[in-house]
Amino acid sequence: MGVGYSHEQGNIKHEKFSKVTINTSNEYKVTDHFKVGFQFNGARMLPADAKQVLGAIRTTPVAPVYNAEYGLYTALPEFQKAQMNNPMVDVTLKANTTKAENYRASGSVYGELNFLKHFTARATFSMDYASDNGRTYIPIIKVYDPTVKGNVSTLGTGKTEVSQFKQNETKVQSDYVLTYTNSFADGAHNLTATAGFTTYYNSLSRLDGARKQGVGLVIPDDPDKWFVGQPILLLLVPPQTAHRH
């Protein structure tokens, strides 16, 4: 039996990844001709909230990153801001706005019987189950933009949003194999014949949902409120703007 834990922090600020694993297997010899066994692997993973930073390569090197007077990240120059945002907006202002959990369990059990001296029958049942769920929050993001009135621009729709998904997948397989082995002429010739069949079942389901803030009803920057079915009374909070450092 083995248990493992890993935790990593990426090269990009705020990115973290963790994973817990467990695995075990065993075999039991019931008689001289019959044995059974099992194998199991399980994992729980919290994936990193990865952000796209490829724009940092394409961004013009003359664009300032941050405006200290306004305390805001700056918009890119006029000829670029229609195609991309300041990369630090994603890295900092959208940091940890995706909460996800992935679960995985797989295993098998088998039985093997030797009979009539030359025959071996083996049955194996396997199952693989995966469950993934995640929630994403889009905050109101303001940047310094000297080309607009007031020098402050709001990115996107200017409204908070929440999206949520859950996906389950189940795979079940069974294998039935009969093997015949024999040798002839004092071992000069060997014969092995195998016959069997396999059954396979696969099920996949996914549910997605999303909602935007209502009139004046801003969704808080609080992971406890990032649910599509969150009661509306809990969302009666003053307007918020993302300020992360």
C-alpha atoms as a PDB file:
ATOM      1  CA  MET A   1       0.000   0.000   0.000  1.00  0.00           C
ATOM      2  CA  GLY A   2       1.251   3.470  -0.817  1.00  0.00           C
ATOM      3  CA  VAL A   3       0.098   6.994  -0.041  1.00  0.00           C
ATOM      4  CA  GLY A   4       1.507  10.083  -1.729  1.00  0.00           C
ATOM      5  CA  TYR A   5       1.150  13.838  -1.516  1.00  0.00           C
ATOM      6  CA  SER A   6       2.584  16.486  -3.799  1.00  0.00           C
ATOM      7  CA  HIS A   7       2.339  20.258  -3.697  1.00  0.00           C
ATOM      8  CA  GLU A   8       3.779  22.563  -6.316  1.00  0.00           C
ATOM      9  CA  GLN A   9       3.935  26.286  -6.869  1.00  0.00           C
ATOM     10  CA  GLY A  10       4.352  27.253 -10.497  1.00  0.00           C
ATOM     11  CA  ASN A  11       6.660  29.805 -12.034  1.00  0.00           C
ATOM     12  CA  ILE A  12       3.684  32.133 -12.409  1.00  0.00           C
ATOM     13  CA  LYS A  13       2.619  34.049  -9.319  1.00  0.00           C
ATOM     14  CA  HIS A  14      -0.354  32.659  -7.349  1.00  0.00           C
ATOM     15  CA  GLU A  15      -0.403  29.295  -9.150  1.00  0.00           C
ATOM     16  CA  LYS A  16      -0.562  26.253  -6.865  1.00  0.00           C
ATOM     17  CA  PHE A  17      -1.178  22.564  -7.449  1.00  0.00           C
ATOM     18  CA  SER A  18      -1.732  19.724  -4.977  1.00  0.00           C
ATOM     19  CA  LYS A  19      -2.456  16.033  -5.306  1.00  0.00           C
ATOM     20  CA  VAL A  20      -3.116  13.165  -2.898  1.00  0.00           C
ATOM     21  CA  THR A  21      -2.813   9.584  -4.142  1.00  0.00           C
ATOM     22  CA  ILE A  22      -3.384   6.146  -2.667  1.00  0.00           C
ATOM     23  CA  ASN A  23      -2.700   2.751  -4.196  1.00  0.00           C
ATOM     24  CA  THR A  24      -2.930  -0.780  -2.904  1.00  0.00           C
ATOM     25  CA  SER A  25      -2.992  -4.305  -4.277  1.00  0.00           C
ATOM     26  CA  ASN A  26      -2.926  -7.856  -2.983  1.00  0.00           C
ATOM     27  CA  GLU A  27      -3.371 -11.452  -4.007  1.00  0.00           C
ATOM     28  CA  TYR A  28      -4.769 -14.322  -1.967  1.00  0.00           C
ATOM     29  CA  LYS A  29      -4.161 -17.985  -2.717  1.00  0.00           C
ATOM     30  CA  VAL A  30      -7.340 -19.698  -1.545  1.00  0.00           C
ATOM     31  CA  THR A  31      -6.283 -23.207  -2.611  1.00  0.00           C
ATOM     32  CA  ASP A  32      -3.535 -24.697  -4.745  1.00  0.00           C
ATOM     33  CA  HIS A  33      -5.767 -24.225  -7.782  1.00  0.00           C
ATOM     34  CA  PHE A  34      -7.680 -21.042  -7.018  1.00  0.00           C
ATOM     35  CA  LYS A  35      -6.547 -17.490  -6.259  1.00  0.00           C
ATOM     36  CA  VAL A  36      -8.117 -14.039  -6.125  1.00  0.00           C
ATOM     37  CA  GLY A  37      -6.672 -10.538  -6.107  1.00  0.00           C
ATOM     38  CA  PHE A  38      -7.432  -6.865  -6.321  1.00  0.00           C
ATOM     39  CA  GLN A  39      -5.814  -3.550  -7.208  1.00  0.00           C
ATOM     40  CA  PHE A  40      -6.936   0.007  -6.407  1.00  0.00           C
ATOM     41  CA  ASN A  41      -5.684   3.514  -7.252  1.00  0.00           C
ATOM     42  CA  GLY A  42      -7.277   6.727  -6.018  1.00  0.00           C
ATOM     43  CA  ALA A  43      -6.422  10.408  -6.351  1.00  0.00           C
ATOM     44  CA  ARG A  44      -7.716  13.818  -5.351  1.00  0.00           C
ATOM     45  CA  MET A  45      -6.268  16.759  -7.261  1.00  0.00           C
ATOM     46  CA  LEU A  46      -6.620  20.500  -6.874  1.00  0.00           C
ATOM     47  CA  PRO A  47      -5.407  21.774 -10.263  1.00  0.00           C
ATOM     48  CA  ALA A  48      -3.627  25.079 -10.636  1.00  0.00           C
ATOM     49  CA  ASP A  49      -5.658  28.108 -11.673  1.00  0.00           C
ATOM     50  CA  ALA A  50      -3.514  28.508 -14.769  1.00  0.00           C
ATOM     51  CA  LYS A  51      -3.533  31.843 -16.572  1.00  0.00           C
ATOM     52  CA  GLN A  52      -2.584  32.708 -20.128  1.00  0.00           C
ATOM     53  CA  VAL A  53       0.648  34.699 -20.159  1.00  0.00           C
ATOM     54  CA  LEU A  54       1.546  34.298 -23.822  1.00  0.00           C
ATOM     55  CA  GLY A  55       0.429  37.891 -24.273  1.00  0.00           C
ATOM     56  CA  ALA A  56       3.508  39.000 -22.337  1.00  0.00           C
ATOM     57  CA  ILE A  57       5.621  37.962 -25.327  1.00  0.00           C
ATOM     58  CA  ARG A  58       3.439  39.879 -27.767  1.00  0.00           C
ATOM     59  CA  THR A  59       3.026  43.003 -25.676  1.00  0.00           C
ATOM     60  CA  THR A  60       4.928  46.043 -26.885  1.00  0.00           C
ATOM     61  CA  PRO A  61       7.946  46.677 -24.620  1.00  0.00           C
ATOM     62  CA  VAL A  62       7.100  50.388 -24.270  1.00  0.00           C
ATOM     63  CA  ALA A  63       3.793  49.700 -22.481  1.00  0.00           C
ATOM     64  CA  PRO A  64       3.923  50.478 -18.737  1.00  0.00           C
ATOM     65  CA  VAL A  65       2.638  47.730 -16.435  1.00  0.00           C
ATOM     66  CA  TYR A  66       1.251  49.652 -13.458  1.00  0.00           C
ATOM     67  CA  ASN A  67       0.164  53.204 -12.669  1.00  0.00           C
ATOM     68  CA  ALA A  68       1.085  54.039  -9.083  1.00  0.00           C
ATOM     69  CA  GLU A  69      -0.983  57.249  -8.956  1.00  0.00           C
ATOM     70  CA  TYR A  70      -4.264  55.446  -9.656  1.00  0.00           C
ATOM     71  CA  GLY A  71      -3.198  52.149  -8.104  1.00  0.00           C
ATOM     72  CA  LEU A  72      -4.272  50.274 -11.236  1.00  0.00           C
ATOM     73  CA  TYR A  73      -2.672  48.184 -13.922  1.00  0.00           C
ATOM     74  CA  THR A  74      -2.469  50.023 -17.219  1.00  0.00           C
ATOM     75  CA  ALA A  75      -4.263  49.238 -20.449  1.00  0.00           C
ATOM     76  CA  LEU A  76      -2.118  48.409 -23.450  1.00  0.00           C
ATOM     77  CA  PRO A  77      -1.539  50.978 -26.205  1.00  0.00           C
ATOM     78  CA  GLU A  78      -4.381  51.740 -28.596  1.00  0.00           C
ATOM     79  CA  PHE A  79      -3.084  49.447 -31.348  1.00  0.00           C
ATOM     80  CA  GLN A  80      -2.993  46.404 -29.014  1.00  0.00           C
ATOM     81  CA  LYS A  81      -5.701  46.684 -26.381  1.00  0.00           C
ATOM     82  CA  ALA A  82      -8.442  45.486 -28.748  1.00  0.00           C
ATOM     83  CA  GLN A  83      -6.637  42.141 -29.135  1.00  0.00           C
ATOM     84  CA  MET A  84      -5.241  41.501 -25.638  1.00  0.00           C
ATOM     85  CA  ASN A  85      -5.061  42.756 -22.072  1.00  0.00           C
ATOM     86  CA  ASN A  86      -2.169  43.601 -19.830  1.00  0.00           C
ATOM     87  CA  PRO A  87      -0.867  40.096 -18.870  1.00  0.00           C
ATOM     88  CA  MET A  88      -0.725  41.102 -15.210  1.00  0.00           C
ATOM     89  CA  VAL A  89      -4.502  41.531 -15.210  1.00  0.00           C
ATOM     90  CA  ASP A  90      -4.900  37.772 -15.637  1.00  0.00           C
ATOM     91  CA  VAL A  91      -2.002  36.851 -13.367  1.00  0.00           C
ATOM     92  CA  THR A  92      -2.967  39.126 -10.468  1.00  0.00           C
ATOM     93  CA  LEU A  93      -6.523  40.447 -10.726  1.00  0.00           C
ATOM     94  CA  LYS A  94      -7.917  37.103 -11.885  1.00  0.00           C
ATOM     95  CA  ALA A  95      -5.728  35.003  -9.593  1.00  0.00           C
ATOM     96  CA  ASN A  96      -7.507  32.189  -7.741  1.00  0.00           C
ATOM     97  CA  THR A  97     -10.831  32.940  -9.427  1.00  0.00           C
ATOM     98  CA  THR A  98     -11.197  29.313 -10.502  1.00  0.00           C
ATOM     99  CA  LYS A  99     -11.795  26.660  -7.865  1.00  0.00           C
ATOM    100  CA  ALA A 100     -11.653  23.091  -9.130  1.00  0.00           C
ATOM    101  CA  GLU A 101     -11.489  19.597  -7.674  1.00  0.00           C
ATOM    102  CA  ASN A 102     -10.767  16.401  -9.581  1.00  0.00           C
ATOM    103  CA  TYR A 103     -11.332  12.924  -8.170  1.00  0.00           C
ATOM    104  CA  ARG A 104     -10.237   9.653  -9.751  1.00  0.00           C
ATOM    105  CA  ALA A 105     -10.670   6.061  -8.592  1.00  0.00           C
ATOM    106  CA  SER A 106      -9.797   2.958 -10.554  1.00  0.00           C
ATOM    107  CA  GLY A 107      -9.398  -0.653  -9.621  1.00  0.00           C
ATOM    108  CA  SER A 108      -9.961  -4.257 -10.496  1.00  0.00           C
ATOM    109  CA  VAL A 109     -10.700  -7.623  -8.902  1.00  0.00           C
ATOM    110  CA  TYR A 110      -9.960 -10.982 -10.430  1.00  0.00           C
ATOM    111  CA  GLY A 111     -10.242 -14.681  -9.827  1.00  0.00           C
ATOM    112  CA  GLU A 112      -8.190 -17.438 -11.432  1.00  0.00           C
ATOM    113  CA  LEU A 113      -8.916 -21.166 -11.405  1.00  0.00           C
ATOM    114  CA  ASN A 114      -6.702 -23.983 -12.653  1.00  0.00           C
ATOM    115  CA  PHE A 115      -8.566 -27.190 -13.478  1.00  0.00           C
ATOM    116  CA  LEU A 116      -8.217 -30.425 -15.426  1.00  0.00           C
ATOM    117  CA  LYS A 117      -4.437 -29.975 -15.304  1.00  0.00           C
ATOM    118  CA  HIS A 118      -4.173 -27.951 -18.531  1.00  0.00           C
ATOM    119  CA  PHE A 119      -6.908 -25.333 -18.229  1.00  0.00           C
ATOM    120  CA  THR A 120      -6.878 -21.897 -16.605  1.00  0.00           C
ATOM    121  CA  ALA A 121      -9.990 -19.745 -16.320  1.00  0.00           C
ATOM    122  CA  ARG A 122      -9.656 -16.119 -15.309  1.00  0.00           C
ATOM    123  CA  ALA A 123     -12.323 -13.453 -14.772  1.00  0.00           C
ATOM    124  CA  THR A 124     -11.431  -9.789 -14.236  1.00  0.00           C
ATOM    125  CA  PHE A 125     -13.725  -6.903 -13.378  1.00  0.00           C
ATOM    126  CA  SER A 126     -12.357  -3.350 -13.731  1.00  0.00           C
ATOM    127  CA  MET A 127     -13.817   0.065 -13.019  1.00  0.00           C
ATOM    128  CA  ASP A 128     -12.571   3.610 -13.607  1.00  0.00           C
ATOM    129  CA  TYR A 129     -14.500   6.525 -12.112  1.00  0.00           C
ATOM    130  CA  ALA A 130     -13.687  10.226 -12.531  1.00  0.00           C
ATOM    131  CA  SER A 131     -15.517  13.204 -11.071  1.00  0.00           C
ATOM    132  CA  ASP A 132     -14.494  16.779 -11.912  1.00  0.00           C
ATOM    133  CA  ASN A 133     -16.119  19.981 -10.747  1.00  0.00           C
ATOM    134  CA  GLY A 134     -15.171  23.628 -10.932  1.00  0.00           C
ATOM    135  CA  ARG A 135     -16.350  27.181 -10.360  1.00  0.00           C
ATOM    136  CA  THR A 136     -15.092  30.335 -12.069  1.00  0.00           C
ATOM    137  CA  TYR A 137     -15.651  33.925 -10.970  1.00  0.00           C
ATOM    138  CA  ILE A 138     -15.263  36.964 -13.212  1.00  0.00           C
ATOM    139  CA  PRO A 139     -14.761  40.138 -11.162  1.00  0.00           C
ATOM    140  CA  ILE A 140     -15.195  43.747 -12.212  1.00  0.00           C
ATOM    141  CA  ILE A 141     -11.770  44.828 -13.422  1.00  0.00           C
ATOM    142  CA  LYS A 142     -10.702  48.425 -13.904  1.00  0.00           C
ATOM    143  CA  VAL A 143      -7.449  49.549 -15.504  1.00  0.00           C
ATOM    144  CA  TYR A 144      -5.719  52.860 -16.022  1.00  0.00           C
ATOM    145  CA  ASP A 145      -6.300  54.085 -19.571  1.00  0.00           C
ATOM    146  CA  PRO A 146      -5.278  57.681 -20.377  1.00  0.00           C
ATOM    147  CA  THR A 147      -7.191  57.556 -23.669  1.00  0.00           C
ATOM    148  CA  VAL A 148     -10.640  57.450 -22.014  1.00  0.00           C
ATOM    149  CA  LYS A 149     -12.546  60.003 -19.986  1.00  0.00           C
ATOM    150  CA  GLY A 150     -11.537  59.863 -16.338  1.00  0.00           C
ATOM    151  CA  ASN A 151      -8.465  57.776 -17.182  1.00  0.00           C
ATOM    152  CA  VAL A 152     -10.130  54.605 -15.843  1.00  0.00           C
ATOM    153  CA  SER A 153     -11.565  51.888 -18.090  1.00  0.00           C
ATOM    154  CA  THR A 154     -13.631  48.831 -17.152  1.00  0.00           C
ATOM    155  CA  LEU A 155     -12.778  45.613 -18.957  1.00  0.00           C
ATOM    156  CA  GLY A 156     -15.364  43.221 -20.342  1.00  0.00           C
ATOM    157  CA  THR A 157     -19.042  43.671 -19.568  1.00  0.00           C
ATOM    158  CA  GLY A 158     -18.444  45.498 -16.303  1.00  0.00           C
ATOM    159  CA  LYS A 159     -20.527  42.901 -14.461  1.00  0.00           C
ATOM    160  CA  THR A 160     -19.559  40.076 -12.157  1.00  0.00           C
ATOM    161  CA  GLU A 161     -20.242  36.547 -13.393  1.00  0.00           C
ATOM    162  CA  VAL A 162     -20.120  33.001 -12.047  1.00  0.00           C
ATOM    163  CA  SER A 163     -19.951  29.755 -14.013  1.00  0.00           C
ATOM    164  CA  GLN A 164     -20.005  26.235 -12.652  1.00  0.00           C
ATOM    165  CA  PHE A 165     -19.646  22.708 -14.045  1.00  0.00           C
ATOM    166  CA  LYS A 166     -19.693  19.110 -12.882  1.00  0.00           C
ATOM    167  CA  GLN A 167     -18.653  16.117 -14.954  1.00  0.00           C
ATOM    168  CA  ASN A 168     -18.801  12.422 -14.077  1.00  0.00           C
ATOM    169  CA  GLU A 169     -17.449   9.544 -16.124  1.00  0.00           C
ATOM    170  CA  THR A 170     -17.694   5.833 -15.359  1.00  0.00           C
ATOM    171  CA  LYS A 171     -15.977   3.037 -17.272  1.00  0.00           C
ATOM    172  CA  VAL A 172     -16.632  -0.605 -16.449  1.00  0.00           C
ATOM    173  CA  GLN A 173     -14.954  -3.554 -18.121  1.00  0.00           C
ATOM    174  CA  SER A 174     -15.100  -7.305 -17.586  1.00  0.00           C
ATOM    175  CA  ASP A 175     -12.815  -9.894 -19.163  1.00  0.00           C
ATOM    176  CA  TYR A 176     -13.360 -13.644 -19.290  1.00  0.00           C
ATOM    177  CA  VAL A 177     -10.443 -15.726 -20.554  1.00  0.00           C
ATOM    178  CA  LEU A 178      -9.955 -19.483 -20.839  1.00  0.00           C
ATOM    179  CA  THR A 179      -6.446 -20.746 -21.575  1.00  0.00           C
ATOM    180  CA  TYR A 180      -5.298 -24.233 -22.503  1.00  0.00           C
ATOM    181  CA  THR A 181      -1.597 -25.148 -22.238  1.00  0.00           C
ATOM    182  CA  ASN A 182       0.083 -28.475 -22.934  1.00  0.00           C
ATOM    183  CA  SER A 183       3.334 -29.930 -24.162  1.00  0.00           C
ATOM    184  CA  PHE A 184       4.008 -32.960 -26.315  1.00  0.00           C
ATOM    185  CA  ALA A 185       6.915 -35.241 -27.195  1.00  0.00           C
ATOM    186  CA  ASP A 186       8.634 -34.790 -23.866  1.00  0.00           C
ATOM    187  CA  GLY A 187       8.445 -31.026 -24.093  1.00  0.00           C
ATOM    188  CA  ALA A 188       9.629 -30.738 -27.670  1.00  0.00           C
ATOM    189  CA  HIS A 189       6.340 -29.147 -28.675  1.00  0.00           C
ATOM    190  CA  ASN A 190       4.236 -26.673 -26.729  1.00  0.00           C
ATOM    191  CA  LEU A 191       0.674 -25.621 -27.360  1.00  0.00           C
ATOM    192  CA  THR A 192      -1.203 -22.651 -25.932  1.00  0.00           C
ATOM    193  CA  ALA A 193      -4.757 -21.778 -26.939  1.00  0.00           C
ATOM    194  CA  THR A 194      -6.758 -18.856 -25.573  1.00  0.00           C
ATOM    195  CA  ALA A 195     -10.407 -17.923 -25.933  1.00  0.00           C
ATOM    196  CA  GLY A 196     -12.517 -15.307 -24.221  1.00  0.00           C
ATOM    197  CA  PHE A 197     -14.614 -12.194 -24.485  1.00  0.00           C
ATOM    198  CA  THR A 198     -14.773  -8.682 -23.059  1.00  0.00           C
ATOM    199  CA  THR A 199     -17.684  -6.437 -22.101  1.00  0.00           C
ATOM    200  CA  TYR A 200     -17.356  -2.668 -21.840  1.00  0.00           C
ATOM    201  CA  TYR A 201     -19.594   0.067 -20.470  1.00  0.00           C
ATOM    202  CA  ASN A 202     -18.989   3.820 -20.547  1.00  0.00           C
ATOM    203  CA  SER A 203     -21.110   6.626 -19.097  1.00  0.00           C
ATOM    204  CA  LEU A 204     -20.371  10.352 -19.331  1.00  0.00           C
ATOM    205  CA  SER A 205     -22.493  13.184 -17.956  1.00  0.00           C
ATOM    206  CA  ARG A 206     -21.801  16.900 -17.665  1.00  0.00           C
ATOM    207  CA  LEU A 207     -23.766  19.813 -16.273  1.00  0.00           C
ATOM    208  CA  ASP A 208     -22.875  23.466 -16.921  1.00  0.00           C
ATOM    209  CA  GLY A 209     -24.446  26.611 -15.528  1.00  0.00           C
ATOM    210  CA  ALA A 210     -23.708  30.324 -15.377  1.00  0.00           C
ATOM    211  CA  ARG A 211     -25.246  33.570 -14.210  1.00  0.00           C
ATOM    212  CA  LYS A 212     -24.458  37.273 -14.224  1.00  0.00           C
ATOM    213  CA  GLN A 213     -25.151  39.870 -11.591  1.00  0.00           C
ATOM    214  CA  GLY A 214     -28.542  41.548 -11.581  1.00  0.00           C
ATOM    215  CA  VAL A 215     -29.149  45.279 -11.479  1.00  0.00           C
ATOM    216  CA  GLY A 216     -26.948  46.461  -8.628  1.00  0.00           C
ATOM    217  CA  LEU A 217     -26.626  42.926  -7.241  1.00  0.00           C
ATOM    218  CA  VAL A 218     -22.877  42.361  -7.414  1.00  0.00           C
ATOM    219  CA  ILE A 219     -21.588  38.826  -6.825  1.00  0.00           C
ATOM    220  CA  PRO A 220     -19.020  39.079  -3.992  1.00  0.00           C
ATOM    221  CA  ASP A 221     -15.367  38.193  -4.469  1.00  0.00           C
ATOM    222  CA  ASP A 222     -15.825  35.333  -1.998  1.00  0.00           C
ATOM    223  CA  PRO A 223     -15.473  31.652  -3.037  1.00  0.00           C
ATOM    224  CA  ASP A 224     -18.336  30.733  -0.698  1.00  0.00           C
ATOM    225  CA  LYS A 225     -20.649  32.751  -2.968  1.00  0.00           C
ATOM    226  CA  TRP A 226     -19.426  31.371  -6.298  1.00  0.00           C
ATOM    227  CA  PHE A 227     -22.359  29.050  -6.893  1.00  0.00           C
ATOM    228  CA  VAL A 228     -24.984  29.325  -9.607  1.00  0.00           C
ATOM    229  CA  GLY A 229     -27.732  28.517  -7.109  1.00  0.00           C
ATOM    230  CA  GLN A 230     -26.534  30.919  -4.402  1.00  0.00           C
ATOM    231  CA  PRO A 231     -29.550  32.617  -2.690  1.00  0.00           C
ATOM    232  CA  ILE A 232     -29.967  36.144  -4.015  1.00  0.00           C
ATOM    233  CA  LEU A 233     -30.245  37.675  -0.534  1.00  0.00           C
ATOM    234  CA  LEU A 234     -26.611  36.824   0.111  1.00  0.00           C
ATOM    235  CA  LEU A 235     -25.581  38.904  -2.890  1.00  0.00           C
ATOM    236  CA  LEU A 236     -26.870  42.274  -1.693  1.00  0.00           C
ATOM    237  CA  VAL A 237     -23.449  43.838  -1.264  1.00  0.00           C
ATOM    238  CA  PRO A 238     -21.925  47.131  -2.450  1.00  0.00           C
ATOM    239  CA  PRO A 239     -20.241  47.148  -5.876  1.00  0.00           C
ATOM    240  CA  GLN A 240     -16.724  45.748  -5.763  1.00  0.00           C
ATOM    241  CA  THR A 241     -13.708  46.168  -7.980  1.00  0.00           C
ATOM    242  CA  ALA A 242     -10.867  43.670  -8.163  1.00  0.00           C
ATOM    243  CA  HIS A 243      -7.768  44.949  -6.357  1.00  0.00           C
ATOM    244  CA  ARG A 244      -5.207  42.191  -5.870  1.00  0.00           C
ATOM    245  CA  HIS A 245      -1.507  42.546  -5.247  1.00  0.00           C
END
